[in-house]
């Protein structure tokens, strides 16, 4: 089986009809329905776990991109999750893709839900990881939790994701260090770090989305895999993860034990196996 390496993937640029030039990377054979990665708060292309992308690329065409105003993509960060979904669809159209699979992690899972509602015919299969439904319990607290984690990270000289994505158990701490190390493997042609104003704009959008009325997810019939750890402090597993599963009629559920918001990274081998099977048409 051919192997692919995300840390070596070329940074590419495509300009959409909205005038935004999106930076993206792609891996795997360009055949079948591609998997589009919708990333988390503050993330750029380098924040995708290379082990996950490499694993999926063995059998699938995988595309990651920067939202407008993030990383190498120009433009301005959208002020709502709904507008971020429209922004993501502009990228998909620019790529001339008619049907896509989505891997939505954290904020990316929120964006994915809105895009499923906006453009249902364009969406084939979706994984929603470390996320919750619009108006979900505790989502409006993401700003407070992020600010607290940022202060801890600065005081301890650690990556903020070690506090936000993982449990504080020995297993969680070890997984956190391994994950952060993997994100640093790529040395050349790294993506641009999100600027402070774009980061705060994303936080405001998440906060607003967390206070909005719930969406009617019963209208969606695409196959969905809902994934989280049993102790997500960012988007509380209980009730959000279970609520998503219950409200999406054609969904499956995986909850990893002793895992947090970044459960797919902590359990990357198991997750890649499950995701690979799920995405097979």
Foldseek 3Di string as FASTA:
>chain_A
DDWKFLLPWDWDWFAFPVRKIKTKTKAADPDDAAEEEQDAFQDASLLDQRLLRRLLRVQHIYMYIDFDQHWPIHDAQDQALLVSLVRVVRVVVRVVQQAHEYEAAASRLANVLNNCVVPVRRYAEYEYALYFFFLAPPQLCLVVLQVVLVVVCVVVVHDSCLVQWADPDPLRNVLSVVRVVSSPPNDPPDIDGRDPVRSVSSSSNSNVRNRDDTDQLLVHAHEYEYEFECQAPNRHVVPGSVVVQVRNPRYHYDYHYRTYSNVCSSVVVVNSVVVSVRPDD
